[in-house]
Amino acid sequence: MSSIVALVIGIPMMVGIAWLVWYVWNNNRLLDARLANGDLELLDSTSYKVTEVIRAPAGSRVEKVAFQPMNIDMSGYVRQTLPDGRVALVPVAMNQEVRSVHSTTHTNQQPPFQ
């Protein structure tokens, strides 16, 4: 009699545990497939909470942009952090008096005359 009671209780519990394991495994598999395909609906999904995008595939974009003040030093350069983590000093013209700042990306460009 006790073995019948154990079977009546044990079999549904084993089926429930097996279904739960399959459900979690299948959801993880589907999420991996959606991430590999770059599904943008994941960002607005109520099922998943996106806190940070560390590395995104090529062509990705960020919708929410936070204001970052530009650090301009007196030499006429702005310090910018590149997407790969490097820091670059980008020349900018602060006013009409700063005429010695010119683009360094083209070697055929001559500095402006004073």
PDB file of N, CA and C in Angstrom:
ATOM      1  N   MET A   1       0.812  -1.193   0.000  1.00  0.00           N
ATOM      2  CA  MET A   1       0.000   0.000   0.000  1.00  0.00           C
ATOM      3  C   MET A   1       0.861   1.265   0.000  1.00  0.00           C
ATOM      4  N   SER A   2       1.942   1.244   0.740  1.00  0.00           N
ATOM      5  CA  SER A   2       2.796   2.427   0.802  1.00  0.00           C
ATOM      6  C   SER A   2       3.537   2.649  -0.510  1.00  0.00           C
ATOM      7  N   SER A   3       3.817   1.573  -1.254  1.00  0.00           N
ATOM      8  CA  SER A   3       4.495   1.744  -2.539  1.00  0.00           C
ATOM      9  C   SER A   3       3.557   2.387  -3.565  1.00  0.00           C
ATOM     10  N   ILE A   4       2.283   2.124  -3.493  1.00  0.00           N
ATOM     11  CA  ILE A   4       1.316   2.739  -4.401  1.00  0.00           C
ATOM     12  C   ILE A   4       1.206   4.238  -4.089  1.00  0.00           C
ATOM     13  N   VAL A   5       1.166   4.597  -2.827  1.00  0.00           N
ATOM     14  CA  VAL A   5       1.099   6.003  -2.421  1.00  0.00           C
ATOM     15  C   VAL A   5       2.377   6.721  -2.870  1.00  0.00           C
ATOM     16  N   ALA A   6       3.530   6.048  -2.722  1.00  0.00           N
ATOM     17  CA  ALA A   6       4.799   6.648  -3.153  1.00  0.00           C
ATOM     18  C   ALA A   6       4.807   6.863  -4.657  1.00  0.00           C
ATOM     19  N   LEU A   7       4.265   5.930  -5.434  1.00  0.00           N
ATOM     20  CA  LEU A   7       4.190   6.082  -6.880  1.00  0.00           C
ATOM     21  C   LEU A   7       3.229   7.206  -7.272  1.00  0.00           C
ATOM     22  N   VAL A   8       2.100   7.299  -6.601  1.00  0.00           N
ATOM     23  CA  VAL A   8       1.110   8.326  -6.922  1.00  0.00           C
ATOM     24  C   VAL A   8       1.686   9.721  -6.636  1.00  0.00           C
ATOM     25  N   ILE A   9       2.484   9.841  -5.598  1.00  0.00           N
ATOM     26  CA  ILE A   9       3.081  11.137  -5.268  1.00  0.00           C
ATOM     27  C   ILE A   9       4.396  11.347  -6.030  1.00  0.00           C
ATOM     28  N   GLY A  10       5.202  10.315  -6.158  1.00  0.00           N
ATOM     29  CA  GLY A  10       6.536  10.423  -6.748  1.00  0.00           C
ATOM     30  C   GLY A  10       6.545  10.666  -8.245  1.00  0.00           C
ATOM     31  N   ILE A  11       5.669   9.968  -8.983  1.00  0.00           N
ATOM     32  CA  ILE A  11       5.663  10.116 -10.451  1.00  0.00           C
ATOM     33  C   ILE A  11       5.279  11.537 -10.872  1.00  0.00           C
ATOM     34  N   PRO A  12       4.205  12.133 -10.349  1.00  0.00           N
ATOM     35  CA  PRO A  12       3.913  13.518 -10.732  1.00  0.00           C
ATOM     36  C   PRO A  12       5.029  14.496 -10.325  1.00  0.00           C
ATOM     37  N   MET A  13       5.676  14.264  -9.183  1.00  0.00           N
ATOM     38  CA  MET A  13       6.770  15.137  -8.777  1.00  0.00           C
ATOM     39  C   MET A  13       7.959  15.011  -9.731  1.00  0.00           C
ATOM     40  N   MET A  14       8.272  13.791 -10.154  1.00  0.00           N
ATOM     41  CA  MET A  14       9.375  13.607 -11.102  1.00  0.00           C
ATOM     42  C   MET A  14       9.037  14.231 -12.449  1.00  0.00           C
ATOM     43  N   VAL A  15       7.797  14.104 -12.896  1.00  0.00           N
ATOM     44  CA  VAL A  15       7.379  14.718 -14.150  1.00  0.00           C
ATOM     45  C   VAL A  15       7.464  16.244 -14.029  1.00  0.00           C
ATOM     46  N   GLY A  16       7.022  16.793 -12.890  1.00  0.00           N
ATOM     47  CA  GLY A  16       7.092  18.236 -12.684  1.00  0.00           C
ATOM     48  C   GLY A  16       8.526  18.755 -12.659  1.00  0.00           C
ATOM     49  N   ILE A  17       9.427  18.039 -12.015  1.00  0.00           N
ATOM     50  CA  ILE A  17      10.833  18.447 -11.973  1.00  0.00           C
ATOM     51  C   ILE A  17      11.459  18.347 -13.358  1.00  0.00           C
ATOM     52  N   ALA A  18      11.142  17.266 -14.087  1.00  0.00           N
ATOM     53  CA  ALA A  18      11.677  17.112 -15.446  1.00  0.00           C
ATOM     54  C   ALA A  18      11.163  18.227 -16.362  1.00  0.00           C
ATOM     55  N   TRP A  19       9.879  18.576 -16.234  1.00  0.00           N
ATOM     56  CA  TRP A  19       9.333  19.665 -17.047  1.00  0.00           C
ATOM     57  C   TRP A  19      10.003  20.984 -16.694  1.00  0.00           C
ATOM     58  N   LEU A  20      10.240  21.272 -15.421  1.00  0.00           N
ATOM     59  CA  LEU A  20      10.884  22.510 -14.995  1.00  0.00           C
ATOM     60  C   LEU A  20      12.316  22.600 -15.533  1.00  0.00           C
ATOM     61  N   VAL A  21      13.056  21.497 -15.491  1.00  0.00           N
ATOM     62  CA  VAL A  21      14.421  21.488 -16.027  1.00  0.00           C
ATOM     63  C   VAL A  21      14.388  21.740 -17.534  1.00  0.00           C
ATOM     64  N   TRP A  22      13.473  21.085 -18.244  1.00  0.00           N
ATOM     65  CA  TRP A  22      13.362  21.297 -19.691  1.00  0.00           C
ATOM     66  C   TRP A  22      12.975  22.738 -20.001  1.00  0.00           C
ATOM     67  N   TYR A  23      12.054  23.329 -19.232  1.00  0.00           N
ATOM     68  CA  TYR A  23      11.588  24.693 -19.457  1.00  0.00           C
ATOM     69  C   TYR A  23      12.733  25.696 -19.309  1.00  0.00           C
ATOM     70  N   VAL A  24      13.525  25.552 -18.262  1.00  0.00           N
ATOM     71  CA  VAL A  24      14.662  26.459 -18.052  1.00  0.00           C
ATOM     72  C   VAL A  24      15.691  26.273 -19.155  1.00  0.00           C
ATOM     73  N   TRP A  25      15.993  25.033 -19.504  1.00  0.00           N
ATOM     74  CA  TRP A  25      16.972  24.758 -20.573  1.00  0.00           C
ATOM     75  C   TRP A  25      16.498  25.344 -21.905  1.00  0.00           C
ATOM     76  N   ASN A  26      15.227  25.166 -22.230  1.00  0.00           N
ATOM     77  CA  ASN A  26      14.687  25.670 -23.495  1.00  0.00           C
ATOM     78  C   ASN A  26      14.690  27.200 -23.526  1.00  0.00           C
ATOM     79  N   ASN A  27      14.325  27.857 -22.424  1.00  0.00           N
ATOM     80  CA  ASN A  27      14.366  29.321 -22.389  1.00  0.00           C
ATOM     81  C   ASN A  27      15.789  29.837 -22.568  1.00  0.00           C
ATOM     82  N   ASN A  28      16.770  29.196 -21.955  1.00  0.00           N
ATOM     83  CA  ASN A  28      18.159  29.613 -22.136  1.00  0.00           C
ATOM     84  C   ASN A  28      18.616  29.412 -23.577  1.00  0.00           C
ATOM     85  N   ARG A  29      18.185  28.325 -24.188  1.00  0.00           N
ATOM     86  CA  ARG A  29      18.540  28.057 -25.581  1.00  0.00           C
ATOM     87  C   ARG A  29      17.925  29.100 -26.514  1.00  0.00           C
ATOM     88  N   LEU A  30      16.656  29.445 -26.281  1.00  0.00           N
ATOM     89  CA  LEU A  30      15.995  30.461 -27.102  1.00  0.00           C
ATOM     90  C   LEU A  30      16.610  31.842 -26.895  1.00  0.00           C
ATOM     91  N   LEU A  31      16.985  32.166 -25.657  1.00  0.00           N
ATOM     92  CA  LEU A  31      17.628  33.446 -25.388  1.00  0.00           C
ATOM     93  C   LEU A  31      18.981  33.535 -26.083  1.00  0.00           C
ATOM     94  N   ASP A  32      19.766  32.465 -26.041  1.00  0.00           N
ATOM     95  CA  ASP A  32      21.051  32.454 -26.741  1.00  0.00           C
ATOM     96  C   ASP A  32      20.870  32.650 -28.235  1.00  0.00           C
ATOM     97  N   ALA A  33      19.836  32.034 -28.806  1.00  0.00           N
ATOM     98  CA  ALA A  33      19.575  32.183 -30.242  1.00  0.00           C
ATOM     99  C   ALA A  33      19.162  33.622 -30.567  1.00  0.00           C
ATOM    100  N   ARG A  34      18.339  34.231 -29.719  1.00  0.00           N
ATOM    101  CA  ARG A  34      17.917  35.621 -29.955  1.00  0.00           C
ATOM    102  C   ARG A  34      19.087  36.581 -29.814  1.00  0.00           C
ATOM    103  N   LEU A  35      19.974  36.332 -28.851  1.00  0.00           N
ATOM    104  CA  LEU A  35      21.164  37.171 -28.692  1.00  0.00           C
ATOM    105  C   LEU A  35      22.096  37.034 -29.884  1.00  0.00           C
ATOM    106  N   ALA A  36      22.256  35.808 -30.376  1.00  0.00           N
ATOM    107  CA  ALA A  36      23.128  35.578 -31.530  1.00  0.00           C
ATOM    108  C   ALA A  36      22.582  36.262 -32.775  1.00  0.00           C
ATOM    109  N   ASN A  37      21.257  36.366 -32.893  1.00  0.00           N
ATOM    110  CA  ASN A  37      20.643  37.026 -34.044  1.00  0.00           C
ATOM    111  C   ASN A  37      20.529  38.534 -33.861  1.00  0.00           C
ATOM    112  N   GLY A  38      20.873  39.051 -32.691  1.00  0.00           N
ATOM    113  CA  GLY A  38      20.806  40.492 -32.456  1.00  0.00           C
ATOM    114  C   GLY A  38      19.388  41.014 -32.377  1.00  0.00           C
ATOM    115  N   ASP A  39      18.502  40.284 -31.732  1.00  0.00           N
ATOM    116  CA  ASP A  39      17.098  40.661 -31.624  1.00  0.00           C
ATOM    117  C   ASP A  39      16.960  41.919 -30.763  1.00  0.00           C
ATOM    118  N   LEU A  40      16.512  43.035 -31.368  1.00  0.00           N
ATOM    119  CA  LEU A  40      16.372  44.302 -30.643  1.00  0.00           C
ATOM    120  C   LEU A  40      15.174  44.312 -29.702  1.00  0.00           C
ATOM    121  N   GLU A  41      14.231  43.392 -29.891  1.00  0.00           N
ATOM    122  CA  GLU A  41      13.067  43.339 -29.011  1.00  0.00           C
ATOM    123  C   GLU A  41      13.458  42.936 -27.593  1.00  0.00           C
ATOM    124  N   LEU A  42      14.627  42.343 -27.412  1.00  0.00           N
ATOM    125  CA  LEU A  42      15.072  41.973 -26.074  1.00  0.00           C
ATOM    126  C   LEU A  42      15.294  43.202 -25.190  1.00  0.00           C
ATOM    127  N   LEU A  43      15.648  44.339 -25.803  1.00  0.00           N
ATOM    128  CA  LEU A  43      15.887  45.545 -25.016  1.00  0.00           C
ATOM    129  C   LEU A  43      14.609  46.080 -24.384  1.00  0.00           C
ATOM    130  N   ASP A  44      13.463  45.883 -25.036  1.00  0.00           N
ATOM    131  CA  ASP A  44      12.181  46.374 -24.530  1.00  0.00           C
ATOM    132  C   ASP A  44      11.324  45.273 -23.934  1.00  0.00           C
ATOM    133  N   SER A  45      11.847  44.068 -23.818  1.00  0.00           N
ATOM    134  CA  SER A  45      11.070  42.934 -23.345  1.00  0.00           C
ATOM    135  C   SER A  45      10.766  43.064 -21.854  1.00  0.00           C
ATOM    136  N   THR A  46       9.570  42.654 -21.464  1.00  0.00           N
ATOM    137  CA  THR A  46       9.218  42.643 -20.046  1.00  0.00           C
ATOM    138  C   THR A  46       9.746  41.399 -19.349  1.00  0.00           C
ATOM    139  N   SER A  47      10.155  40.394 -20.112  1.00  0.00           N
ATOM    140  CA  SER A  47      10.664  39.156 -19.531  1.00  0.00           C
ATOM    141  C   SER A  47      12.116  39.268 -19.088  1.00  0.00           C
ATOM    142  N   TYR A  48      12.871  40.160 -19.718  1.00  0.00           N
ATOM    143  CA  TYR A  48      14.297  40.293 -19.426  1.00  0.00           C
ATOM    144  C   TYR A  48      14.600  41.727 -19.023  1.00  0.00           C
ATOM    145  N   LYS A  49      15.498  41.880 -18.063  1.00  0.00           N
ATOM    146  CA  LYS A  49      15.918  43.207 -17.619  1.00  0.00           C
ATOM    147  C   LYS A  49      17.348  43.421 -18.097  1.00  0.00           C
ATOM    148  N   VAL A  50      17.536  44.402 -18.977  1.00  0.00           N
ATOM    149  CA  VAL A  50      18.854  44.716 -19.508  1.00  0.00           C
ATOM    150  C   VAL A  50      19.428  45.841 -18.646  1.00  0.00           C
ATOM    151  N   THR A  51      20.528  45.551 -17.957  1.00  0.00           N
ATOM    152  CA  THR A  51      21.146  46.562 -17.110  1.00  0.00           C
ATOM    153  C   THR A  51      22.358  47.184 -17.776  1.00  0.00           C
ATOM    154  N   GLU A  52      23.052  46.429 -18.616  1.00  0.00           N
ATOM    155  CA  GLU A  52      24.259  46.952 -19.243  1.00  0.00           C
ATOM    156  C   GLU A  52      24.583  46.126 -20.476  1.00  0.00           C
ATOM    157  N   VAL A  53      25.004  46.809 -21.529  1.00  0.00           N
ATOM    158  CA  VAL A  53      25.473  46.131 -22.724  1.00  0.00           C
ATOM    159  C   VAL A  53      26.987  46.288 -22.728  1.00  0.00           C
ATOM    160  N   ILE A  54      27.685  45.183 -22.532  1.00  0.00           N
ATOM    161  CA  ILE A  54      29.138  45.253 -22.420  1.00  0.00           C
ATOM    162  C   ILE A  54      29.778  45.242 -23.794  1.00  0.00           C
ATOM    163  N   ARG A  55      29.462  44.255 -24.575  1.00  0.00           N
ATOM    164  CA  ARG A  55      29.971  44.171 -25.942  1.00  0.00           C
ATOM    165  C   ARG A  55      28.806  43.842 -26.848  1.00  0.00           C
ATOM    166  N   ALA A  56      28.559  44.719 -27.762  1.00  0.00           N
ATOM    167  CA  ALA A  56      27.439  44.543 -28.672  1.00  0.00           C
ATOM    168  C   ALA A  56      27.970  44.201 -30.057  1.00  0.00           C
ATOM    169  N   PRO A  57      27.199  43.493 -30.864  1.00  0.00           N
ATOM    170  CA  PRO A  57      27.645  43.159 -32.217  1.00  0.00           C
ATOM    171  C   PRO A  57      27.740  44.397 -33.105  1.00  0.00           C
ATOM    172  N   ALA A  58      28.439  44.251 -34.200  1.00  0.00           N
ATOM    173  CA  ALA A  58      28.619  45.360 -35.138  1.00  0.00           C
ATOM    174  C   ALA A  58      27.258  45.847 -35.620  1.00  0.00           C
ATOM    175  N   GLY A  59      27.105  47.158 -35.710  1.00  0.00           N
ATOM    176  CA  GLY A  59      25.839  47.737 -36.146  1.00  0.00           C
ATOM    177  C   GLY A  59      24.898  48.047 -35.006  1.00  0.00           C
ATOM    178  N   SER A  60      25.294  47.761 -33.769  1.00  0.00           N
ATOM    179  CA  SER A  60      24.431  48.041 -32.625  1.00  0.00           C
ATOM    180  C   SER A  60      24.361  49.536 -32.374  1.00  0.00           C
ATOM    181  N   ARG A  61      23.332  49.941 -31.685  1.00  0.00           N
ATOM    182  CA  ARG A  61      23.200  51.351 -31.354  1.00  0.00           C
ATOM    183  C   ARG A  61      22.673  51.483 -29.934  1.00  0.00           C
ATOM    184  N   VAL A  62      22.945  52.613 -29.336  1.00  0.00           N
ATOM    185  CA  VAL A  62      22.484  52.913 -27.986  1.00  0.00           C
ATOM    186  C   VAL A  62      21.439  54.010 -28.109  1.00  0.00           C
ATOM    187  N   GLU A  63      20.264  53.760 -27.601  1.00  0.00           N
ATOM    188  CA  GLU A  63      19.167  54.715 -27.720  1.00  0.00           C
ATOM    189  C   GLU A  63      19.235  55.795 -26.646  1.00  0.00           C
ATOM    190  N   LYS A  64      19.525  55.417 -25.415  1.00  0.00           N
ATOM    191  CA  LYS A  64      19.532  56.367 -24.316  1.00  0.00           C
ATOM    192  C   LYS A  64      20.948  56.923 -24.179  1.00  0.00           C
ATOM    193  N   VAL A  65      21.087  58.237 -24.370  1.00  0.00           N
ATOM    194  CA  VAL A  65      22.391  58.873 -24.316  1.00  0.00           C
ATOM    195  C   VAL A  65      22.427  59.818 -23.123  1.00  0.00           C
ATOM    196  N   ALA A  66      23.381  59.619 -22.256  1.00  0.00           N
ATOM    197  CA  ALA A  66      23.542  60.494 -21.097  1.00  0.00           C
ATOM    198  C   ALA A  66      24.471  61.646 -21.463  1.00  0.00           C
ATOM    199  N   PHE A  67      24.192  62.818 -20.936  1.00  0.00           N
ATOM    200  CA  PHE A  67      25.020  63.984 -21.201  1.00  0.00           C
ATOM    201  C   PHE A  67      26.357  63.831 -20.491  1.00  0.00           C
ATOM    202  N   GLN A  68      27.435  64.047 -21.233  1.00  0.00           N
ATOM    203  CA  GLN A  68      28.773  64.007 -20.655  1.00  0.00           C
ATOM    204  C   GLN A  68      29.447  65.341 -20.933  1.00  0.00           C
ATOM    205  N   PRO A  69      29.834  66.041 -19.887  1.00  0.00           N
ATOM    206  CA  PRO A  69      30.517  67.318 -20.126  1.00  0.00           C
ATOM    207  C   PRO A  69      31.867  67.084 -20.781  1.00  0.00           C
ATOM    208  N   MET A  70      32.234  67.990 -21.680  1.00  0.00           N
ATOM    209  CA  MET A  70      33.503  67.867 -22.389  1.00  0.00           C
ATOM    210  C   MET A  70      34.595  68.547 -21.578  1.00  0.00           C
ATOM    211  N   ASN A  71      35.676  67.827 -21.363  1.00  0.00           N
ATOM    212  CA  ASN A  71      36.814  68.378 -20.641  1.00  0.00           C
ATOM    213  C   ASN A  71      37.739  69.055 -21.640  1.00  0.00           C
ATOM    214  N   ILE A  72      37.686  70.387 -21.689  1.00  0.00           N
ATOM    215  CA  ILE A  72      38.527  71.145 -22.608  1.00  0.00           C
ATOM    216  C   ILE A  72      39.645  71.773 -21.798  1.00  0.00           C
ATOM    217  N   ASP A  73      40.872  71.421 -22.135  1.00  0.00           N
ATOM    218  CA  ASP A  73      41.982  72.078 -21.462  1.00  0.00           C
ATOM    219  C   ASP A  73      42.397  73.298 -22.269  1.00  0.00           C
ATOM    220  N   MET A  74      43.275  74.086 -21.741  1.00  0.00           N
ATOM    221  CA  MET A  74      43.630  75.358 -22.354  1.00  0.00           C
ATOM    222  C   MET A  74      44.462  75.198 -23.630  1.00  0.00           C
ATOM    223  N   SER A  75      44.935  74.012 -23.924  1.00  0.00           N
ATOM    224  CA  SER A  75      45.724  73.834 -25.139  1.00  0.00           C
ATOM    225  C   SER A  75      44.843  73.633 -26.367  1.00  0.00           C
ATOM    226  N   GLY A  76      43.528  73.558 -26.209  1.00  0.00           N
ATOM    227  CA  GLY A  76      42.626  73.434 -27.344  1.00  0.00           C
ATOM    228  C   GLY A  76      42.319  71.996 -27.721  1.00  0.00           C
ATOM    229  N   TYR A  77      42.444  71.070 -26.785  1.00  0.00           N
ATOM    230  CA  TYR A  77      42.155  69.666 -27.054  1.00  0.00           C
ATOM    231  C   TYR A  77      41.066  69.178 -26.114  1.00  0.00           C
ATOM    232  N   VAL A  78      40.252  68.258 -26.617  1.00  0.00           N
ATOM    233  CA  VAL A  78      39.206  67.628 -25.822  1.00  0.00           C
ATOM    234  C   VAL A  78      39.614  66.186 -25.592  1.00  0.00           C
ATOM    235  N   ARG A  79      39.531  65.751 -24.348  1.00  0.00           N
ATOM    236  CA  ARG A  79      39.873  64.366 -24.015  1.00  0.00           C
ATOM    237  C   ARG A  79      38.647  63.489 -24.262  1.00  0.00           C
ATOM    238  N   GLN A  80      38.761  62.513 -25.159  1.00  0.00           N
ATOM    239  CA  GLN A  80      37.664  61.609 -25.502  1.00  0.00           C
ATOM    240  C   GLN A  80      38.086  60.177 -25.238  1.00  0.00           C
ATOM    241  N   THR A  81      37.182  59.373 -24.682  1.00  0.00           N
ATOM    242  CA  THR A  81      37.429  57.951 -24.492  1.00  0.00           C
ATOM    243  C   THR A  81      36.839  57.213 -25.677  1.00  0.00           C
ATOM    244  N   LEU A  82      37.653  56.456 -26.383  1.00  0.00           N
ATOM    245  CA  LEU A  82      37.217  55.711 -27.554  1.00  0.00           C
ATOM    246  C   LEU A  82      36.481  54.454 -27.128  1.00  0.00           C
ATOM    247  N   PRO A  83      35.666  53.855 -28.026  1.00  0.00           N
ATOM    248  CA  PRO A  83      34.901  52.664 -27.661  1.00  0.00           C
ATOM    249  C   PRO A  83      35.762  51.498 -27.191  1.00  0.00           C
ATOM    250  N   ASP A  84      37.008  51.416 -27.637  1.00  0.00           N
ATOM    251  CA  ASP A  84      37.856  50.304 -27.216  1.00  0.00           C
ATOM    252  C   ASP A  84      38.598  50.601 -25.920  1.00  0.00           C
ATOM    253  N   GLY A  85      38.342  51.759 -25.288  1.00  0.00           N
ATOM    254  CA  GLY A  85      38.927  52.081 -24.003  1.00  0.00           C
ATOM    255  C   GLY A  85      40.116  53.018 -24.061  1.00  0.00           C
ATOM    256  N   ARG A  86      40.663  53.249 -25.249  1.00  0.00           N
ATOM    257  CA  ARG A  86      41.797  54.164 -25.363  1.00  0.00           C
ATOM    258  C   ARG A  86      41.317  55.602 -25.203  1.00  0.00           C
ATOM    259  N   VAL A  87      42.225  56.490 -24.858  1.00  0.00           N
ATOM    260  CA  VAL A  87      41.919  57.910 -24.679  1.00  0.00           C
ATOM    261  C   VAL A  87      42.580  58.679 -25.804  1.00  0.00           C
ATOM    262  N   ALA A  88      41.825  59.597 -26.417  1.00  0.00           N
ATOM    263  CA  ALA A  88      42.347  60.408 -27.515  1.00  0.00           C
ATOM    264  C   ALA A  88      42.164  61.875 -27.178  1.00  0.00           C
ATOM    265  N   LEU A  89      43.112  62.696 -27.592  1.00  0.00           N
ATOM    266  CA  LEU A  89      42.993  64.146 -27.468  1.00  0.00           C
ATOM    267  C   LEU A  89      42.607  64.683 -28.840  1.00  0.00           C
ATOM    268  N   VAL A  90      41.416  65.259 -28.942  1.00  0.00           N
ATOM    269  CA  VAL A  90      40.875  65.747 -30.203  1.00  0.00           C
ATOM    270  C   VAL A  90      41.004  67.269 -30.226  1.00  0.00           C
ATOM    271  N   PRO A  91      41.631  67.835 -31.274  1.00  0.00           N
ATOM    272  CA  PRO A  91      41.774  69.297 -31.307  1.00  0.00           C
ATOM    273  C   PRO A  91      40.448  69.982 -31.619  1.00  0.00           C
ATOM    274  N   VAL A  92      40.200  71.099 -30.931  1.00  0.00           N
ATOM    275  CA  VAL A  92      39.000  71.905 -31.167  1.00  0.00           C
ATOM    276  C   VAL A  92      39.397  73.366 -31.192  1.00  0.00           C
ATOM    277  N   ALA A  93      38.625  74.160 -31.897  1.00  0.00           N
ATOM    278  CA  ALA A  93      38.826  75.607 -31.920  1.00  0.00           C
ATOM    279  C   ALA A  93      37.924  76.202 -30.851  1.00  0.00           C
ATOM    280  N   MET A  94      38.520  76.827 -29.837  1.00  0.00           N
ATOM    281  CA  MET A  94      37.737  77.366 -28.723  1.00  0.00           C
ATOM    282  C   MET A  94      37.149  78.730 -29.058  1.00  0.00           C
ATOM    283  N   ASN A  95      37.894  79.577 -29.793  1.00  0.00           N
ATOM    284  CA  ASN A  95      37.391  80.887 -30.196  1.00  0.00           C
ATOM    285  C   ASN A  95      38.213  81.365 -31.389  1.00  0.00           C
ATOM    286  N   GLN A  96      38.013  82.600 -31.812  1.00  0.00           N
ATOM    287  CA  GLN A  96      38.698  83.119 -32.995  1.00  0.00           C
ATOM    288  C   GLN A  96      40.194  83.300 -32.767  1.00  0.00           C
ATOM    289  N   GLU A  97      40.625  83.473 -31.521  1.00  0.00           N
ATOM    290  CA  GLU A  97      42.036  83.708 -31.249  1.00  0.00           C
ATOM    291  C   GLU A  97      42.878  82.447 -31.422  1.00  0.00           C
ATOM    292  N   VAL A  98      42.271  81.287 -31.287  1.00  0.00           N
ATOM    293  CA  VAL A  98      43.018  80.042 -31.420  1.00  0.00           C
ATOM    294  C   VAL A  98      43.024  79.657 -32.887  1.00  0.00           C
ATOM    295  N   ARG A  99      44.081  79.972 -33.598  1.00  0.00           N
ATOM    296  CA  ARG A  99      44.171  79.672 -35.016  1.00  0.00           C
ATOM    297  C   ARG A  99      45.233  78.618 -35.309  1.00  0.00           C
ATOM    298  N   SER A 100      45.973  78.202 -34.300  1.00  0.00           N
ATOM    299  CA  SER A 100      47.041  77.235 -34.549  1.00  0.00           C
ATOM    300  C   SER A 100      46.547  75.793 -34.472  1.00  0.00           C
ATOM    301  N   VAL A 101      45.272  75.582 -34.113  1.00  0.00           N
ATOM    302  CA  VAL A 101      44.739  74.233 -34.036  1.00  0.00           C
ATOM    303  C   VAL A 101      44.292  73.806 -35.426  1.00  0.00           C
ATOM    304  N   HIS A 102      44.826  72.709 -35.918  1.00  0.00           N
ATOM    305  CA  HIS A 102      44.436  72.192 -37.227  1.00  0.00           C
ATOM    306  C   HIS A 102      44.370  70.680 -37.162  1.00  0.00           C
ATOM    307  N   SER A 103      43.748  70.109 -38.147  1.00  0.00           N
ATOM    308  CA  SER A 103      43.576  68.673 -38.172  1.00  0.00           C
ATOM    309  C   SER A 103      44.915  67.981 -38.400  1.00  0.00           C
ATOM    310  N   THR A 104      45.176  66.960 -37.601  1.00  0.00           N
ATOM    311  CA  THR A 104      46.410  66.193 -37.753  1.00  0.00           C
ATOM    312  C   THR A 104      46.161  64.874 -38.474  1.00  0.00           C
ATOM    313  N   THR A 105      44.936  64.673 -38.941  1.00  0.00           N
ATOM    314  CA  THR A 105      44.637  63.406 -39.610  1.00  0.00           C
ATOM    315  C   THR A 105      45.054  63.425 -41.071  1.00  0.00           C
ATOM    316  N   HIS A 106      45.155  64.598 -41.684  1.00  0.00           N
ATOM    317  CA  HIS A 106      45.572  64.702 -43.077  1.00  0.00           C
ATOM    318  C   HIS A 106      46.940  65.383 -43.128  1.00  0.00           C
ATOM    319  N   THR A 107      47.889  64.721 -43.767  1.00  0.00           N
ATOM    320  CA  THR A 107      49.243  65.274 -43.790  1.00  0.00           C
ATOM    321  C   THR A 107      49.392  66.379 -44.827  1.00  0.00           C
ATOM    322  N   ASN A 108      48.467  66.468 -45.800  1.00  0.00           N
ATOM    323  CA  ASN A 108      48.603  67.496 -46.830  1.00  0.00           C
ATOM    324  C   ASN A 108      47.947  68.817 -46.437  1.00  0.00           C
ATOM    325  N   GLN A 109      47.308  68.883 -45.262  1.00  0.00           N
ATOM    326  CA  GLN A 109      46.650  70.110 -44.833  1.00  0.00           C
ATOM    327  C   GLN A 109      47.689  70.995 -44.143  1.00  0.00           C
ATOM    328  N   GLN A 110      47.736  72.235 -44.554  1.00  0.00           N
ATOM    329  CA  GLN A 110      48.663  73.194 -43.967  1.00  0.00           C
ATOM    330  C   GLN A 110      47.999  73.932 -42.820  1.00  0.00           C
ATOM    331  N   PRO A 111      48.763  74.296 -41.785  1.00  0.00           N
ATOM    332  CA  PRO A 111      48.164  75.058 -40.704  1.00  0.00           C
ATOM    333  C   PRO A 111      47.733  76.430 -41.209  1.00  0.00           C
ATOM    334  N   PRO A 112      46.676  77.013 -40.633  1.00  0.00           N
ATOM    335  CA  PRO A 112      46.185  78.317 -41.078  1.00  0.00           C
ATOM    336  C   PRO A 112      47.224  79.408 -40.822  1.00  0.00           C
ATOM    337  N   PHE A 113      47.209  80.411 -41.691  1.00  0.00           N
ATOM    338  CA  PHE A 113      48.141  81.537 -41.544  1.00  0.00           C
ATOM    339  C   PHE A 113      47.652  82.477 -40.469  1.00  0.00           C
ATOM    340  N   GLN A 114      48.600  83.098 -39.764  1.00  0.00           N
ATOM    341  CA  GLN A 114      48.228  84.014 -38.680  1.00  0.00           C
ATOM    342  C   GLN A 114      48.291  85.440 -39.151  1.00  0.00           C
TER     343      GLN A 114
END
